[in-house]
Each structure stands twice: as structure tokens, then as C-alpha cells.
Amino acid sequence: MATETWIIYKTDDMSAVGWEERRLMPRDSLTNILEENWSAEENPVIPQIGDRTRAYQCDPEDDSITHAREGDWVVKRIERFASFDTDMRIVVCYCEYDPIASQWKEVHRGVPANELLDKAKV
């Protein structure tokens, strides 16, 4: 069984830059969570102090990611938690707003899984 790791990027302060846009669904309540990721890898890549979040642009028609760049939030402190009962780990990355002028880069996608499966049947 693979270890599950939940990586959460958040601000130290609920009133940090952009607080008006950070909302949890479905109740639309405010949050200090910037983003979160899940990993089922045996040895997941854990963020380090100084790492930046990623920013993404989406296609308005199908909501797919088209471009990415380094984000404006920098990891300043990390806390790690592990369950004694399961293979679950939680990594909380506390971030500080530090905007940069990084370039948007096109995200190149691989072949969709359905197409790969169809080709394998042939």
C-alpha cells in the first residue's frame, strides 16, 4: 500500500494578500489555504523552504491548464505530520507573499489516457 501525502500551502495570516478571493466551497467561507496537492508516491517530493507555489492559466472553454509560471508565494516554514494508524502524511507549508515577474510557459500535455488505451487494444 502506497503512502498518501497531503501537501497544503497556506498563509500564516487569514488577512494576507488576496484573502478576498480565497474561498472554500460549497459554503463560500474564507480560508488561508492557497493550494493543496495529493501524492500517492512512495517517496513524494516534499516542498522545501524557499520553494515557490505555481500559478496557472486555464482555457476558458474547457477549464484545462494552458500555461504555468512560478507563483508569488514562497514557502517560509514547514510542518510535517504522520498518522500512527495509517500510511497518511500531511505536510503544511506556510507561505509568504513575495511577487516576482516570471514568464508564463505553455504546458505541453501528453496523449490522453483513453487514446493510449485504444492504441494498446490494436
Protein backbone atom coordinates (compact mmCIF):
# COMPACT_ATOMS: atom_id res chain seq x y z
CA MET A 1 0.00 0.00 0.00
CA ALA A 2 1.42 3.37 -1.04
CA THR A 3 1.76 6.22 1.39
CA GLU A 4 -0.68 9.07 0.81
CA THR A 5 0.69 12.56 1.33
CA TRP A 6 -1.46 15.68 1.50
CA ILE A 7 0.56 18.85 0.88
CA ILE A 8 -1.13 22.09 1.91
CA TYR A 9 0.19 25.57 1.08
CA LYS A 10 -1.27 28.28 3.31
CA THR A 11 -0.67 31.74 4.66
CA ASP A 12 0.19 32.38 8.31
CA ASP A 13 -2.45 35.07 8.43
CA MET A 14 -6.07 34.97 7.21
CA SER A 15 -5.75 38.61 6.10
CA ALA A 16 -2.70 38.01 3.85
CA VAL A 17 -2.74 39.38 0.29
CA GLY A 18 -5.63 38.03 -1.78
CA TRP A 19 -7.78 36.99 1.19
CA GLU A 20 -10.93 38.23 -0.58
CA GLU A 21 -10.59 35.59 -3.33
CA ARG A 22 -9.68 32.59 -1.18
CA ARG A 23 -12.92 30.76 -0.54
CA LEU A 24 -13.88 27.19 0.27
CA MET A 25 -16.81 25.55 -1.44
CA PRO A 26 -19.69 24.92 -1.04
CA ARG A 27 -20.30 27.45 1.74
CA ASP A 28 -18.05 30.12 0.24
CA SER A 29 -16.24 30.63 3.56
CA LEU A 30 -12.88 32.38 3.68
CA THR A 31 -9.69 30.33 4.01
CA ASN A 32 -5.96 30.86 4.25
CA ILE A 33 -5.26 27.81 2.06
CA LEU A 34 -3.51 28.82 -1.16
CA GLU A 35 -3.44 25.38 -2.79
CA GLU A 36 -3.19 21.71 -1.98
CA ASN A 37 -1.79 18.61 -3.63
CA TRP A 38 -2.13 14.88 -3.07
CA SER A 39 0.58 12.32 -3.75
CA ALA A 40 0.38 8.53 -3.59
CA GLU A 41 4.07 8.09 -4.42
CA GLU A 42 6.19 6.04 -2.04
CA ASN A 43 8.73 8.88 -1.82
CA PRO A 44 6.84 12.07 -2.72
CA VAL A 45 8.66 15.29 -3.47
CA ILE A 46 8.19 17.39 -0.34
CA PRO A 47 8.47 21.18 -0.76
CA GLN A 48 11.47 22.90 0.78
CA ILE A 49 11.86 26.31 2.38
CA GLY A 50 12.36 28.82 -0.45
CA ASP A 51 10.24 26.86 -2.96
CA ARG A 52 7.51 28.81 -4.73
CA THR A 53 3.95 27.83 -5.46
CA ARG A 54 2.90 27.54 -9.12
CA ALA A 55 0.44 29.82 -10.93
CA TYR A 56 -1.72 28.54 -13.81
CA GLN A 57 -3.79 29.95 -16.65
CA CYS A 58 -6.78 27.98 -17.88
CA ASP A 59 -8.62 27.77 -21.19
CA PRO A 60 -12.00 29.46 -20.56
CA GLU A 61 -13.81 26.96 -22.80
CA ASP A 62 -12.83 23.70 -21.12
CA ASP A 63 -11.00 24.83 -17.95
CA SER A 64 -7.84 22.94 -18.96
CA ILE A 65 -4.46 24.33 -17.90
CA THR A 66 -2.66 26.01 -20.80
CA HIS A 67 0.21 27.96 -19.17
CA ALA A 68 2.18 27.91 -15.90
CA ARG A 69 4.78 30.02 -14.11
CA GLU A 70 6.43 30.32 -10.72
CA GLY A 71 3.93 31.80 -8.28
CA ASP A 72 4.08 34.77 -5.94
CA TRP A 73 4.08 32.74 -2.70
CA VAL A 74 7.29 31.40 -1.10
CA VAL A 75 7.49 28.58 1.45
CA LYS A 76 8.89 30.00 4.70
CA ARG A 77 8.12 27.24 7.22
CA ILE A 78 7.11 23.58 7.01
CA GLU A 79 5.35 21.28 9.47
CA ARG A 80 5.07 17.53 8.89
CA PHE A 81 2.55 15.16 10.45
CA ALA A 82 2.18 11.38 10.17
CA SER A 83 -0.55 9.03 11.31
CA PHE A 84 0.29 6.20 13.69
CA ASP A 85 -2.68 4.19 12.37
CA THR A 86 -2.41 4.61 8.60
CA ASP A 87 0.12 5.46 5.90
CA MET A 88 -1.18 9.03 5.74
CA ARG A 89 1.14 12.05 5.92
CA ILE A 90 0.29 15.74 5.99
CA VAL A 91 2.78 18.47 5.07
CA VAL A 92 1.77 22.06 5.83
CA CYS A 93 3.80 24.72 4.02
CA TYR A 94 3.40 28.21 5.46
CA CYS A 95 3.95 30.79 2.73
CA GLU A 96 4.78 34.47 2.46
CA TYR A 97 3.71 36.73 -0.40
CA ASP A 98 6.75 37.76 -2.46
CA PRO A 99 5.66 38.64 -6.02
CA ILE A 100 8.02 38.10 -8.94
CA ALA A 101 7.86 38.78 -12.66
CA SER A 102 8.19 35.26 -14.02
CA GLN A 103 7.30 34.30 -17.58
CA TRP A 104 4.27 32.22 -18.50
CA LYS A 105 5.25 28.98 -20.23
CA GLU A 106 2.97 26.79 -22.28
CA VAL A 107 2.05 23.49 -20.64
CA HIS A 108 2.50 20.58 -23.04
CA ARG A 109 0.14 17.71 -22.37
CA GLY A 110 0.73 14.09 -23.22
CA VAL A 111 -1.68 11.83 -25.04
CA PRO A 112 -4.97 11.36 -23.13
CA ALA A 113 -5.25 8.01 -21.32
CA ASN A 114 -8.24 6.93 -23.44
CA GLU A 115 -6.20 7.29 -26.63
CA LEU A 116 -3.33 5.28 -25.14
CA LEU A 117 -5.73 2.51 -24.12
CA ASP A 118 -7.35 2.47 -27.58
CA LYS A 119 -3.91 2.13 -29.22
CA ALA A 120 -2.97 -0.71 -26.85
CA LYS A 121 -6.04 -2.71 -27.98
CA VAL A 122 -4.89 -2.70 -31.62
